[in-house]
Amino acid sequence: MKKSVVAQSIQNSGVINGLIATSNGQPEPSINMGVTRCIGSDRYPGTILEISASGNKIGIASDTTEIVGGQGYGSEVYEITPAVAKEGQNLSYYTRRKDGRFREVGAGMNCTPLAIGSRSMYRDPSF
């Protein structure tokens, strides 16, 4: 059965991304839990498909998105279909840092942390 979530864009996304990614009280990651990658002022949904034994490293696969409504670029409404595990699948890895948040492997502490527990898609039309 196909699971999907409809997500709508939010204006002032740079501020929103900062709030999403730095909010306290994010849940502990679990397999198949949704995440949001905040890149600049854009947001991309993903799914946790791998967790290390220590719980300090997670593997993320990108979710599939499809525009299902909206009035144009920047106001799209997306249908988000969570990723499922496949053999040989490429994952992006994130590690828990000193502040307790997950950041992409190889990125510094200044990069935006992963938002765990929710899926969101938004592409900023101003770029």
PDB file of N, CA and C in Angstrom:
ATOM      1  N   MET A   1       0.848  -1.183   0.000  1.00  0.00           N
ATOM      2  CA  MET A   1       0.000   0.000   0.000  1.00  0.00           C
ATOM      3  C   MET A   1       0.890   1.241   0.000  1.00  0.00           C
ATOM      4  N   LYS A   2       0.566   2.187  -0.847  1.00  0.00           N
ATOM      5  CA  LYS A   2       1.342   3.422  -0.976  1.00  0.00           C
ATOM      6  C   LYS A   2       0.918   4.398   0.118  1.00  0.00           C
ATOM      7  N   LYS A   3       1.902   4.870   0.873  1.00  0.00           N
ATOM      8  CA  LYS A   3       1.634   5.878   1.891  1.00  0.00           C
ATOM      9  C   LYS A   3       2.052   7.225   1.338  1.00  0.00           C
ATOM     10  N   SER A   4       1.276   8.231   1.586  1.00  0.00           N
ATOM     11  CA  SER A   4       1.686   9.560   1.132  1.00  0.00           C
ATOM     12  C   SER A   4       1.232  10.602   2.135  1.00  0.00           C
ATOM     13  N   VAL A   5       1.912  11.717   2.088  1.00  0.00           N
ATOM     14  CA  VAL A   5       1.605  12.854   2.944  1.00  0.00           C
ATOM     15  C   VAL A   5       1.558  14.062   2.037  1.00  0.00           C
ATOM     16  N   VAL A   6       0.559  14.910   2.179  1.00  0.00           N
ATOM     17  CA  VAL A   6       0.500  16.131   1.391  1.00  0.00           C
ATOM     18  C   VAL A   6       1.106  17.245   2.216  1.00  0.00           C
ATOM     19  N   ALA A   7       2.084  17.925   1.633  1.00  0.00           N
ATOM     20  CA  ALA A   7       2.763  19.024   2.328  1.00  0.00           C
ATOM     21  C   ALA A   7       2.637  20.284   1.501  1.00  0.00           C
ATOM     22  N   GLN A   8       2.410  21.398   2.135  1.00  0.00           N
ATOM     23  CA  GLN A   8       2.278  22.675   1.430  1.00  0.00           C
ATOM     24  C   GLN A   8       3.437  23.586   1.794  1.00  0.00           C
ATOM     25  N   SER A   9       3.859  24.394   0.842  1.00  0.00           N
ATOM     26  CA  SER A   9       4.985  25.291   1.070  1.00  0.00           C
ATOM     27  C   SER A   9       4.628  26.371   2.076  1.00  0.00           C
ATOM     28  N   ILE A  10       5.669  26.927   2.683  1.00  0.00           N
ATOM     29  CA  ILE A  10       5.514  27.983   3.675  1.00  0.00           C
ATOM     30  C   ILE A  10       6.387  29.147   3.256  1.00  0.00           C
ATOM     31  N   GLN A  11       5.855  30.357   3.328  1.00  0.00           N
ATOM     32  CA  GLN A  11       6.651  31.525   2.959  1.00  0.00           C
ATOM     33  C   GLN A  11       7.684  31.810   4.038  1.00  0.00           C
ATOM     34  N   ASN A  12       8.636  32.686   3.713  1.00  0.00           N
ATOM     35  CA  ASN A  12       9.743  32.998   4.616  1.00  0.00           C
ATOM     36  C   ASN A  12      10.496  31.735   5.005  1.00  0.00           C
ATOM     37  N   SER A  13      10.792  30.909   3.999  1.00  0.00           N
ATOM     38  CA  SER A  13      11.328  29.578   4.247  1.00  0.00           C
ATOM     39  C   SER A  13      12.691  29.577   4.918  1.00  0.00           C
ATOM     40  N   GLY A  14      13.524  30.577   4.706  1.00  0.00           N
ATOM     41  CA  GLY A  14      14.820  30.603   5.365  1.00  0.00           C
ATOM     42  C   GLY A  14      14.660  30.613   6.874  1.00  0.00           C
ATOM     43  N   VAL A  15      13.770  31.425   7.361  1.00  0.00           N
ATOM     44  CA  VAL A  15      13.472  31.490   8.794  1.00  0.00           C
ATOM     45  C   VAL A  15      12.843  30.182   9.248  1.00  0.00           C
ATOM     46  N   ILE A  16      11.899  29.681   8.464  1.00  0.00           N
ATOM     47  CA  ILE A  16      11.224  28.427   8.805  1.00  0.00           C
ATOM     48  C   ILE A  16      12.237  27.285   8.868  1.00  0.00           C
ATOM     49  N   ASN A  17      13.142  27.203   7.879  1.00  0.00           N
ATOM     50  CA  ASN A  17      14.151  26.138   7.891  1.00  0.00           C
ATOM     51  C   ASN A  17      14.990  26.184   9.156  1.00  0.00           C
ATOM     52  N   GLY A  18      15.379  27.363   9.560  1.00  0.00           N
ATOM     53  CA  GLY A  18      16.156  27.499  10.788  1.00  0.00           C
ATOM     54  C   GLY A  18      15.389  27.005  12.000  1.00  0.00           C
ATOM     55  N   LEU A  19      14.123  27.338  12.067  1.00  0.00           N
ATOM     56  CA  LEU A  19      13.289  26.898  13.192  1.00  0.00           C
ATOM     57  C   LEU A  19      13.074  25.395  13.167  1.00  0.00           C
ATOM     58  N   ILE A  20      12.806  24.859  11.986  1.00  0.00           N
ATOM     59  CA  ILE A  20      12.573  23.416  11.856  1.00  0.00           C
ATOM     60  C   ILE A  20      13.806  22.636  12.299  1.00  0.00           C
ATOM     61  N   ALA A  21      14.955  23.032  11.803  1.00  0.00           N
ATOM     62  CA  ALA A  21      16.172  22.260  12.027  1.00  0.00           C
ATOM     63  C   ALA A  21      16.767  22.438  13.413  1.00  0.00           C
ATOM     64  N   THR A  22      16.457  23.518  14.089  1.00  0.00           N
ATOM     65  CA  THR A  22      17.090  23.751  15.385  1.00  0.00           C
ATOM     66  C   THR A  22      16.127  23.608  16.561  1.00  0.00           C
ATOM     67  N   SER A  23      14.903  23.189  16.273  1.00  0.00           N
ATOM     68  CA  SER A  23      13.946  23.046  17.373  1.00  0.00           C
ATOM     69  C   SER A  23      14.404  21.957  18.332  1.00  0.00           C
ATOM     70  N   ASN A  24      14.209  22.199  19.599  1.00  0.00           N
ATOM     71  CA  ASN A  24      14.571  21.224  20.618  1.00  0.00           C
ATOM     72  C   ASN A  24      13.473  20.181  20.727  1.00  0.00           C
ATOM     73  N   GLY A  25      13.802  19.068  21.293  1.00  0.00           N
ATOM     74  CA  GLY A  25      12.803  18.039  21.534  1.00  0.00           C
ATOM     75  C   GLY A  25      12.511  17.167  20.332  1.00  0.00           C
ATOM     76  N   GLN A  26      13.425  17.111  19.354  1.00  0.00           N
ATOM     77  CA  GLN A  26      13.218  16.202  18.238  1.00  0.00           C
ATOM     78  C   GLN A  26      13.279  14.771  18.765  1.00  0.00           C
ATOM     79  N   PRO A  27      12.483  13.876  18.188  1.00  0.00           N
ATOM     80  CA  PRO A  27      12.479  12.492  18.676  1.00  0.00           C
ATOM     81  C   PRO A  27      13.760  11.752  18.320  1.00  0.00           C
ATOM     82  N   GLU A  28      14.016  10.675  19.030  1.00  0.00           N
ATOM     83  CA  GLU A  28      15.125   9.796  18.680  1.00  0.00           C
ATOM     84  C   GLU A  28      14.785   9.149  17.345  1.00  0.00           C
ATOM     85  N   PRO A  29      15.762   9.041  16.457  1.00  0.00           N
ATOM     86  CA  PRO A  29      15.477   8.463  15.145  1.00  0.00           C
ATOM     87  C   PRO A  29      15.082   6.996  15.227  1.00  0.00           C
ATOM     88  N   SER A  30      14.202   6.591  14.324  1.00  0.00           N
ATOM     89  CA  SER A  30      13.817   5.188  14.195  1.00  0.00           C
ATOM     90  C   SER A  30      13.663   4.881  12.709  1.00  0.00           C
ATOM     91  N   ILE A  31      13.760   3.609  12.377  1.00  0.00           N
ATOM     92  CA  ILE A  31      13.642   3.183  10.983  1.00  0.00           C
ATOM     93  C   ILE A  31      12.272   3.598  10.434  1.00  0.00           C
ATOM     94  N   ASN A  32      12.265   4.105   9.209  1.00  0.00           N
ATOM     95  CA  ASN A  32      11.075   4.580   8.479  1.00  0.00           C
ATOM     96  C   ASN A  32      10.519   5.906   8.987  1.00  0.00           C
ATOM     97  N   MET A  33      11.236   6.555   9.899  1.00  0.00           N
ATOM     98  CA  MET A  33      10.809   7.870  10.389  1.00  0.00           C
ATOM     99  C   MET A  33      11.127   8.925   9.331  1.00  0.00           C
ATOM    100  N   GLY A  34      10.266   9.897   9.185  1.00  0.00           N
ATOM    101  CA  GLY A  34      10.471  10.974   8.239  1.00  0.00           C
ATOM    102  C   GLY A  34      11.465  12.003   8.749  1.00  0.00           C
ATOM    103  N   VAL A  35      12.160  12.638   7.805  1.00  0.00           N
ATOM    104  CA  VAL A  35      13.108  13.702   8.109  1.00  0.00           C
ATOM    105  C   VAL A  35      12.960  14.790   7.055  1.00  0.00           C
ATOM    106  N   THR A  36      13.498  15.960   7.376  1.00  0.00           N
ATOM    107  CA  THR A  36      13.558  17.055   6.406  1.00  0.00           C
ATOM    108  C   THR A  36      14.983  17.550   6.350  1.00  0.00           C
ATOM    109  N   ARG A  37      15.530  17.570   5.146  1.00  0.00           N
ATOM    110  CA  ARG A  37      16.862  18.136   4.911  1.00  0.00           C
ATOM    111  C   ARG A  37      16.658  19.595   4.537  1.00  0.00           C
ATOM    112  N   CYS A  38      17.276  20.481   5.250  1.00  0.00           N
ATOM    113  CA  CYS A  38      17.186  21.914   4.967  1.00  0.00           C
ATOM    114  C   CYS A  38      18.478  22.335   4.284  1.00  0.00           C
ATOM    115  N   ILE A  39      18.345  22.750   3.038  1.00  0.00           N
ATOM    116  CA  ILE A  39      19.508  23.158   2.245  1.00  0.00           C
ATOM    117  C   ILE A  39      19.245  24.574   1.770  1.00  0.00           C
ATOM    118  N   GLY A  40      19.967  25.534   2.348  1.00  0.00           N
ATOM    119  CA  GLY A  40      19.680  26.935   2.059  1.00  0.00           C
ATOM    120  C   GLY A  40      18.270  27.255   2.519  1.00  0.00           C
ATOM    121  N   SER A  41      17.454  27.752   1.622  1.00  0.00           N
ATOM    122  CA  SER A  41      16.060  28.036   1.969  1.00  0.00           C
ATOM    123  C   SER A  41      15.115  26.980   1.405  1.00  0.00           C
ATOM    124  N   ASP A  42      15.666  25.883   0.886  1.00  0.00           N
ATOM    125  CA  ASP A  42      14.853  24.778   0.371  1.00  0.00           C
ATOM    126  C   ASP A  42      14.749  23.670   1.409  1.00  0.00           C
ATOM    127  N   ARG A  43      13.686  22.862   1.277  1.00  0.00           N
ATOM    128  CA  ARG A  43      13.494  21.705   2.151  1.00  0.00           C
ATOM    129  C   ARG A  43      13.197  20.480   1.298  1.00  0.00           C
ATOM    130  N   TYR A  44      13.773  19.344   1.696  1.00  0.00           N
ATOM    131  CA  TYR A  44      13.592  18.100   0.970  1.00  0.00           C
ATOM    132  C   TYR A  44      13.275  16.976   1.949  1.00  0.00           C
ATOM    133  N   PRO A  45      12.227  16.174   1.674  1.00  0.00           N
ATOM    134  CA  PRO A  45      11.855  15.093   2.586  1.00  0.00           C
ATOM    135  C   PRO A  45      12.700  13.838   2.372  1.00  0.00           C
ATOM    136  N   GLY A  46      12.852  13.081   3.429  1.00  0.00           N
ATOM    137  CA  GLY A  46      13.573  11.819   3.365  1.00  0.00           C
ATOM    138  C   GLY A  46      13.063  10.856   4.412  1.00  0.00           C
ATOM    139  N   THR A  47      13.597   9.650   4.371  1.00  0.00           N
ATOM    140  CA  THR A  47      13.196   8.595   5.299  1.00  0.00           C
ATOM    141  C   THR A  47      14.447   7.945   5.869  1.00  0.00           C
ATOM    142  N   ILE A  48      14.451   7.685   7.164  1.00  0.00           N
ATOM    143  CA  ILE A  48      15.556   6.988   7.823  1.00  0.00           C
ATOM    144  C   ILE A  48      15.424   5.499   7.504  1.00  0.00           C
ATOM    145  N   LEU A  49      16.451   4.940   6.857  1.00  0.00           N
ATOM    146  CA  LEU A  49      16.424   3.527   6.500  1.00  0.00           C
ATOM    147  C   LEU A  49      17.516   2.718   7.187  1.00  0.00           C
ATOM    148  N   GLU A  50      18.432   3.406   7.859  1.00  0.00           N
ATOM    149  CA  GLU A  50      19.529   2.711   8.523  1.00  0.00           C
ATOM    150  C   GLU A  50      19.931   3.487   9.774  1.00  0.00           C
ATOM    151  N   ILE A  51      20.185   2.761  10.862  1.00  0.00           N
ATOM    152  CA  ILE A  51      20.658   3.363  12.109  1.00  0.00           C
ATOM    153  C   ILE A  51      21.787   2.495  12.637  1.00  0.00           C
ATOM    154  N   SER A  52      22.905   3.122  13.013  1.00  0.00           N
ATOM    155  CA  SER A  52      24.034   2.361  13.553  1.00  0.00           C
ATOM    156  C   SER A  52      23.664   1.782  14.915  1.00  0.00           C
ATOM    157  N   ALA A  53      24.446   0.804  15.347  1.00  0.00           N
ATOM    158  CA  ALA A  53      24.193   0.168  16.646  1.00  0.00           C
ATOM    159  C   ALA A  53      24.249   1.184  17.785  1.00  0.00           C
ATOM    160  N   SER A  54      25.133   2.182  17.665  1.00  0.00           N
ATOM    161  CA  SER A  54      25.256   3.193  18.716  1.00  0.00           C
ATOM    162  C   SER A  54      24.130   4.231  18.654  1.00  0.00           C
ATOM    163  N   GLY A  55      23.452   4.295  17.509  1.00  0.00           N
ATOM    164  CA  GLY A  55      22.397   5.297  17.327  1.00  0.00           C
ATOM    165  C   GLY A  55      22.927   6.666  16.940  1.00  0.00           C
ATOM    166  N   ASN A  56      24.245   6.765  16.711  1.00  0.00           N
ATOM    167  CA  ASN A  56      24.852   8.062  16.404  1.00  0.00           C
ATOM    168  C   ASN A  56      25.080   8.310  14.918  1.00  0.00           C
ATOM    169  N   LYS A  57      24.706   7.363  14.066  1.00  0.00           N
ATOM    170  CA  LYS A  57      24.825   7.537  12.625  1.00  0.00           C
ATOM    171  C   LYS A  57      23.570   6.969  11.973  1.00  0.00           C
ATOM    172  N   ILE A  58      22.982   7.761  11.062  1.00  0.00           N
ATOM    173  CA  ILE A  58      21.771   7.308  10.379  1.00  0.00           C
ATOM    174  C   ILE A  58      21.945   7.448   8.872  1.00  0.00           C
ATOM    175  N   GLY A  59      21.276   6.567   8.138  1.00  0.00           N
ATOM    176  CA  GLY A  59      21.276   6.611   6.686  1.00  0.00           C
ATOM    177  C   GLY A  59      19.906   7.056   6.194  1.00  0.00           C
ATOM    178  N   ILE A  60      19.904   8.025   5.290  1.00  0.00           N
ATOM    179  CA  ILE A  60      18.666   8.644   4.802  1.00  0.00           C
ATOM    180  C   ILE A  60      18.530   8.403   3.303  1.00  0.00           C
ATOM    181  N   ALA A  61      17.320   8.077   2.856  1.00  0.00           N
ATOM    182  CA  ALA A  61      17.000   8.013   1.428  1.00  0.00           C
ATOM    183  C   ALA A  61      16.012   9.128   1.121  1.00  0.00           C
ATOM    184  N   SER A  62      16.138   9.708  -0.057  1.00  0.00           N
ATOM    185  CA  SER A  62      15.223  10.778  -0.470  1.00  0.00           C
ATOM    186  C   SER A  62      13.840  10.205  -0.773  1.00  0.00           C
ATOM    187  N   ASP A  63      12.815  10.919  -0.328  1.00  0.00           N
ATOM    188  CA  ASP A  63      11.444  10.553  -0.646  1.00  0.00           C
ATOM    189  C   ASP A  63      11.113  11.027  -2.058  1.00  0.00           C
ATOM    190  N   THR A  64      10.053  10.482  -2.620  1.00  0.00           N
ATOM    191  CA  THR A  64       9.573  10.898  -3.930  1.00  0.00           C
ATOM    192  C   THR A  64       8.523  11.978  -3.729  1.00  0.00           C
ATOM    193  N   THR A  65       8.615  13.044  -4.521  1.00  0.00           N
ATOM    194  CA  THR A  65       7.625  14.125  -4.414  1.00  0.00           C
ATOM    195  C   THR A  65       6.968  14.346  -5.767  1.00  0.00           C
ATOM    196  N   GLU A  66       5.715  14.764  -5.701  1.00  0.00           N
ATOM    197  CA  GLU A  66       4.969  15.095  -6.909  1.00  0.00           C
ATOM    198  C   GLU A  66       4.110  16.314  -6.614  1.00  0.00           C
ATOM    199  N   ILE A  67       4.130  17.282  -7.516  1.00  0.00           N
ATOM    200  CA  ILE A  67       3.302  18.478  -7.345  1.00  0.00           C
ATOM    201  C   ILE A  67       1.851  18.092  -7.632  1.00  0.00           C
ATOM    202  N   VAL A  68       0.965  18.390  -6.688  1.00  0.00           N
ATOM    203  CA  VAL A  68      -0.456  18.054  -6.846  1.00  0.00           C
ATOM    204  C   VAL A  68      -1.355  19.284  -6.796  1.00  0.00           C
ATOM    205  N   GLY A  69      -0.781  20.457  -6.641  1.00  0.00           N
ATOM    206  CA  GLY A  69      -1.584  21.675  -6.601  1.00  0.00           C
ATOM    207  C   GLY A  69      -0.717  22.894  -6.380  1.00  0.00           C
ATOM    208  N   GLY A  70      -1.374  24.024  -6.250  1.00  0.00           N
ATOM    209  CA  GLY A  70      -0.686  25.280  -6.018  1.00  0.00           C
ATOM    210  C   GLY A  70      -0.881  26.231  -7.175  1.00  0.00           C
ATOM    211  N   GLN A  71      -0.444  27.456  -6.976  1.00  0.00           N
ATOM    212  CA  GLN A  71      -0.659  28.516  -7.962  1.00  0.00           C
ATOM    213  C   GLN A  71       0.614  28.880  -8.716  1.00  0.00           C
ATOM    214  N   GLY A  72       1.632  28.069  -8.692  1.00  0.00           N
ATOM    215  CA  GLY A  72       2.866  28.377  -9.388  1.00  0.00           C
ATOM    216  C   GLY A  72       4.071  28.134  -8.520  1.00  0.00           C
ATOM    217  N   TYR A  73       5.244  28.417  -9.101  1.00  0.00           N
ATOM    218  CA  TYR A  73       6.506  28.146  -8.430  1.00  0.00           C
ATOM    219  C   TYR A  73       6.589  28.881  -7.093  1.00  0.00           C
ATOM    220  N   GLY A  74       6.797  28.136  -6.044  1.00  0.00           N
ATOM    221  CA  GLY A  74       6.897  28.692  -4.698  1.00  0.00           C
ATOM    222  C   GLY A  74       5.651  28.453  -3.870  1.00  0.00           C
ATOM    223  N   SER A  75       4.538  28.124  -4.521  1.00  0.00           N
ATOM    224  CA  SER A  75       3.303  27.871  -3.769  1.00  0.00           C
ATOM    225  C   SER A  75       2.778  26.458  -4.022  1.00  0.00           C
ATOM    226  N   GLU A  76       3.650  25.587  -4.504  1.00  0.00           N
ATOM    227  CA  GLU A  76       3.232  24.229  -4.822  1.00  0.00           C
ATOM    228  C   GLU A  76       2.763  23.464  -3.600  1.00  0.00           C
ATOM    229  N   VAL A  77       1.863  22.538  -3.844  1.00  0.00           N
ATOM    230  CA  VAL A  77       1.430  21.562  -2.854  1.00  0.00           C
ATOM    231  C   VAL A  77       1.986  20.232  -3.348  1.00  0.00           C
ATOM    232  N   TYR A  78       2.675  19.520  -2.476  1.00  0.00           N
ATOM    233  CA  TYR A  78       3.349  18.286  -2.850  1.00  0.00           C
ATOM    234  C   TYR A  78       2.703  17.061  -2.217  1.00  0.00           C
ATOM    235  N   GLU A  79       2.708  15.976  -2.961  1.00  0.00           N
ATOM    236  CA  GLU A  79       2.417  14.666  -2.399  1.00  0.00           C
ATOM    237  C   GLU A  79       3.781  14.031  -2.154  1.00  0.00           C
ATOM    238  N   ILE A  80       4.018  13.585  -0.941  1.00  0.00           N
ATOM    239  CA  ILE A  80       5.301  13.013  -0.556  1.00  0.00           C
ATOM    240  C   ILE A  80       5.107  11.524  -0.306  1.00  0.00           C
ATOM    241  N   THR A  81       5.859  10.713  -1.035  1.00  0.00           N
ATOM    242  CA  THR A  81       5.808   9.264  -0.860  1.00  0.00           C
ATOM    243  C   THR A  81       7.106   8.826  -0.183  1.00  0.00           C
ATOM    244  N   PRO A  82       7.008   8.282   1.032  1.00  0.00           N
ATOM    245  CA  PRO A  82       8.214   7.881   1.759  1.00  0.00           C
ATOM    246  C   PRO A  82       9.032   6.837   0.994  1.00  0.00           C
ATOM    247  N   ALA A  83      10.346   6.928   1.109  1.00  0.00           N
ATOM    248  CA  ALA A  83      11.256   5.966   0.492  1.00  0.00           C
ATOM    249  C   ALA A  83      11.142   4.620   1.195  1.00  0.00           C
ATOM    250  N   VAL A  84      11.404   3.570   0.452  1.00  0.00           N
ATOM    251  CA  VAL A  84      11.449   2.219   1.018  1.00  0.00           C
ATOM    252  C   VAL A  84      12.834   1.640   0.758  1.00  0.00           C
ATOM    253  N   ALA A  85      13.264   0.752   1.637  1.00  0.00           N
ATOM    254  CA  ALA A  85      14.596   0.163   1.523  1.00  0.00           C
ATOM    255  C   ALA A  85      14.667  -0.744   0.302  1.00  0.00           C
ATOM    256  N   LYS A  86      15.765  -0.578  -0.452  1.00  0.00           N
ATOM    257  CA  LYS A  86      16.037  -1.408  -1.626  1.00  0.00           C
ATOM    258  C   LYS A  86      17.490  -1.834  -1.569  1.00  0.00           C
ATOM    259  N   GLU A  87      17.773  -3.035  -2.019  1.00  0.00           N
ATOM    260  CA  GLU A  87      19.156  -3.519  -2.026  1.00  0.00           C
ATOM    261  C   GLU A  87      20.011  -2.658  -2.949  1.00  0.00           C
ATOM    262  N   GLY A  88      21.176  -2.265  -2.484  1.00  0.00           N
ATOM    263  CA  GLY A  88      22.094  -1.458  -3.270  1.00  0.00           C
ATOM    264  C   GLY A  88      21.737   0.015  -3.344  1.00  0.00           C
ATOM    265  N   GLN A  89      20.796   0.430  -2.523  1.00  0.00           N
ATOM    266  CA  GLN A  89      20.336   1.821  -2.539  1.00  0.00           C
ATOM    267  C   GLN A  89      21.400   2.775  -1.991  1.00  0.00           C
ATOM    268  N   ASN A  90      21.538   3.935  -2.618  1.00  0.00           N
ATOM    269  CA  ASN A  90      22.456   4.955  -2.120  1.00  0.00           C
ATOM    270  C   ASN A  90      21.779   5.739  -1.003  1.00  0.00           C
ATOM    271  N   LEU A  91      22.462   5.841   0.119  1.00  0.00           N
ATOM    272  CA  LEU A  91      21.953   6.606   1.253  1.00  0.00           C
ATOM    273  C   LEU A  91      22.886   7.765   1.548  1.00  0.00           C
ATOM    274  N   SER A  92      22.341   8.814   2.138  1.00  0.00           N
ATOM    275  CA  SER A  92      23.137   9.922   2.669  1.00  0.00           C
ATOM    276  C   SER A  92      23.261   9.677   4.164  1.00  0.00           C
ATOM    277  N   TYR A  93      24.455   9.872   4.705  1.00  0.00           N
ATOM    278  CA  TYR A  93      24.678   9.569   6.116  1.00  0.00           C
ATOM    279  C   TYR A  93      24.840  10.836   6.943  1.00  0.00           C
ATOM    280  N   TYR A  94      24.290  10.774   8.143  1.00  0.00           N
ATOM    281  CA  TYR A  94      24.317  11.878   9.088  1.00  0.00           C
ATOM    282  C   TYR A  94      24.782  11.335  10.429  1.00  0.00           C
ATOM    283  N   THR A  95      25.584  12.137  11.147  1.00  0.00           N
ATOM    284  CA  THR A  95      26.059  11.727  12.471  1.00  0.00           C
ATOM    285  C   THR A  95      25.588  12.715  13.531  1.00  0.00           C
ATOM    286  N   ARG A  96      25.385  12.160  14.724  1.00  0.00           N
ATOM    287  CA  ARG A  96      25.002  13.005  15.866  1.00  0.00           C
ATOM    288  C   ARG A  96      26.232  13.776  16.320  1.00  0.00           C
ATOM    289  N   ARG A  97      26.083  15.076  16.497  1.00  0.00           N
ATOM    290  CA  ARG A  97      27.207  15.919  16.893  1.00  0.00           C
ATOM    291  C   ARG A  97      27.112  16.273  18.380  1.00  0.00           C
ATOM    292  N   LYS A  98      28.063  17.057  18.850  1.00  0.00           N
ATOM    293  CA  LYS A  98      28.139  17.418  20.267  1.00  0.00           C
ATOM    294  C   LYS A  98      26.861  18.069  20.781  1.00  0.00           C
ATOM    295  N   ASP A  99      26.181  18.811  19.903  1.00  0.00           N
ATOM    296  CA  ASP A  99      24.950  19.485  20.333  1.00  0.00           C
ATOM    297  C   ASP A  99      23.729  18.559  20.295  1.00  0.00           C
ATOM    298  N   GLY A 100      23.932  17.289  19.929  1.00  0.00           N
ATOM    299  CA  GLY A 100      22.850  16.317  19.912  1.00  0.00           C
ATOM    300  C   GLY A 100      22.081  16.256  18.599  1.00  0.00           C
ATOM    301  N   ARG A 101      22.391  17.139  17.663  1.00  0.00           N
ATOM    302  CA  ARG A 101      21.684  17.168  16.379  1.00  0.00           C
ATOM    303  C   ARG A 101      22.476  16.403  15.321  1.00  0.00           C
ATOM    304  N   PHE A 102      21.760  15.926  14.304  1.00  0.00           N
ATOM    305  CA  PHE A 102      22.388  15.176  13.227  1.00  0.00           C
ATOM    306  C   PHE A 102      22.749  16.105  12.079  1.00  0.00           C
ATOM    307  N   ARG A 103      24.002  15.993  11.620  1.00  0.00           N
ATOM    308  CA  ARG A 103      24.490  16.761  10.474  1.00  0.00           C
ATOM    309  C   ARG A 103      25.135  15.788   9.492  1.00  0.00           C
ATOM    310  N   GLU A 104      25.148  16.177   8.210  1.00  0.00           N
ATOM    311  CA  GLU A 104      25.676  15.299   7.173  1.00  0.00           C
ATOM    312  C   GLU A 104      27.146  14.979   7.432  1.00  0.00           C
ATOM    313  N   VAL A 105      27.515  13.725   7.167  1.00  0.00           N
ATOM    314  CA  VAL A 105      28.901  13.288   7.335  1.00  0.00           C
ATOM    315  C   VAL A 105      29.792  14.162   6.463  1.00  0.00           C
ATOM    316  N   GLY A 106      30.867  14.672   7.045  1.00  0.00           N
ATOM    317  CA  GLY A 106      31.816  15.508   6.327  1.00  0.00           C
ATOM    318  C   GLY A 106      31.509  16.995   6.398  1.00  0.00           C
ATOM    319  N   ALA A 107      30.326  17.361   6.861  1.00  0.00           N
ATOM    320  CA  ALA A 107      29.957  18.776   6.973  1.00  0.00           C
ATOM    321  C   ALA A 107      30.346  19.300   8.352  1.00  0.00           C
ATOM    322  N   GLY A 108      30.623  20.582   8.432  1.00  0.00           N
ATOM    323  CA  GLY A 108      30.996  21.208   9.694  1.00  0.00           C
ATOM    324  C   GLY A 108      29.788  21.491  10.578  1.00  0.00           C
ATOM    325  N   MET A 109      30.067  22.006  11.743  1.00  0.00           N
ATOM    326  CA  MET A 109      29.004  22.328  12.704  1.00  0.00           C
ATOM    327  C   MET A 109      28.147  23.502  12.253  1.00  0.00           C
ATOM    328  N   ASN A 110      28.605  24.268  11.260  1.00  0.00           N
ATOM    329  CA  ASN A 110      27.821  25.407  10.786  1.00  0.00           C
ATOM    330  C   ASN A 110      26.730  25.011   9.798  1.00  0.00           C
ATOM    331  N   CYS A 111      26.736  23.771   9.321  1.00  0.00           N
ATOM    332  CA  CYS A 111      25.692  23.360   8.378  1.00  0.00           C
ATOM    333  C   CYS A 111      24.384  23.141   9.145  1.00  0.00           C
ATOM    334  N   THR A 112      23.285  23.293   8.436  1.00  0.00           N
ATOM    335  CA  THR A 112      21.970  23.144   9.057  1.00  0.00           C
ATOM    336  C   THR A 112      21.738  21.687   9.434  1.00  0.00           C
ATOM    337  N   PRO A 113      21.312  21.421  10.671  1.00  0.00           N
ATOM    338  CA  PRO A 113      21.071  20.039  11.082  1.00  0.00           C
ATOM    339  C   PRO A 113      19.817  19.460  10.425  1.00  0.00           C
ATOM    340  N   LEU A 114      19.733  18.161  10.447  1.00  0.00           N
ATOM    341  CA  LEU A 114      18.594  17.425   9.925  1.00  0.00           C
ATOM    342  C   LEU A 114      17.407  17.610  10.870  1.00  0.00           C
ATOM    343  N   ALA A 115      16.217  17.843  10.311  1.00  0.00           N
ATOM    344  CA  ALA A 115      15.000  17.930  11.130  1.00  0.00           C
ATOM    345  C   ALA A 115      14.376  16.539  11.164  1.00  0.00           C
ATOM    346  N   ILE A 116      14.352  15.932  12.330  1.00  0.00           N
ATOM    347  CA  ILE A 116      13.882  14.555  12.484  1.00  0.00           C
ATOM    348  C   ILE A 116      12.439  14.546  12.972  1.00  0.00           C
ATOM    349  N   GLY A 117      11.640  13.664  12.366  1.00  0.00           N
ATOM    350  CA  GLY A 117      10.271  13.475  12.824  1.00  0.00           C
ATOM    351  C   GLY A 117       9.218  14.106  11.933  1.00  0.00           C
ATOM    352  N   SER A 118       9.614  14.778  10.862  1.00  0.00           N
ATOM    353  CA  SER A 118       8.619  15.364   9.959  1.00  0.00           C
ATOM    354  C   SER A 118       9.181  15.407   8.550  1.00  0.00           C
ATOM    355  N   ARG A 119       8.282  15.430   7.583  1.00  0.00           N
ATOM    356  CA  ARG A 119       8.673  15.529   6.173  1.00  0.00           C
ATOM    357  C   ARG A 119       8.135  16.839   5.621  1.00  0.00           C
ATOM    358  N   SER A 120       8.975  17.561   4.879  1.00  0.00           N
ATOM    359  CA  SER A 120       8.542  18.820   4.277  1.00  0.00           C
ATOM    360  C   SER A 120       9.274  19.011   2.970  1.00  0.00           C
ATOM    361  N   MET A 121       8.563  19.567   1.980  1.00  0.00           N
ATOM    362  CA  MET A 121       9.154  19.880   0.676  1.00  0.00           C
ATOM    363  C   MET A 121       8.846  21.314   0.347  1.00  0.00           C
ATOM    364  N   TYR A 122       9.873  22.073  -0.024  1.00  0.00           N
ATOM    365  CA  TYR A 122       9.698  23.462  -0.443  1.00  0.00           C
ATOM    366  C   TYR A 122      10.893  23.859  -1.280  1.00  0.00           C
ATOM    367  N   ARG A 123      10.640  24.488  -2.421  1.00  0.00           N
ATOM    368  CA  ARG A 123      11.705  25.042  -3.259  1.00  0.00           C
ATOM    369  C   ARG A 123      11.493  26.541  -3.333  1.00  0.00           C
ATOM    370  N   ASP A 124      12.471  27.288  -2.883  1.00  0.00           N
ATOM    371  CA  ASP A 124      12.388  28.734  -2.833  1.00  0.00           C
ATOM    372  C   ASP A 124      12.439  29.304  -4.257  1.00  0.00           C
ATOM    373  N   PRO A 125      11.414  30.036  -4.683  1.00  0.00           N
ATOM    374  CA  PRO A 125      11.374  30.555  -6.060  1.00  0.00           C
ATOM    375  C   PRO A 125      12.279  31.756  -6.299  1.00  0.00           C
ATOM    376  N   SER A 126      12.905  32.297  -5.279  1.00  0.00           N
ATOM    377  CA  SER A 126      13.680  33.517  -5.442  1.00  0.00           C
ATOM    378  C   SER A 126      15.109  33.248  -5.923  1.00  0.00           C
ATOM    379  N   PHE A 127      15.452  31.992  -6.191  1.00  0.00           N
ATOM    380  CA  PHE A 127      16.803  31.664  -6.685  1.00  0.00           C
ATOM    381  C   PHE A 127      16.735  31.040  -8.042  1.00  0.00           C
TER     382      PHE A 127
END
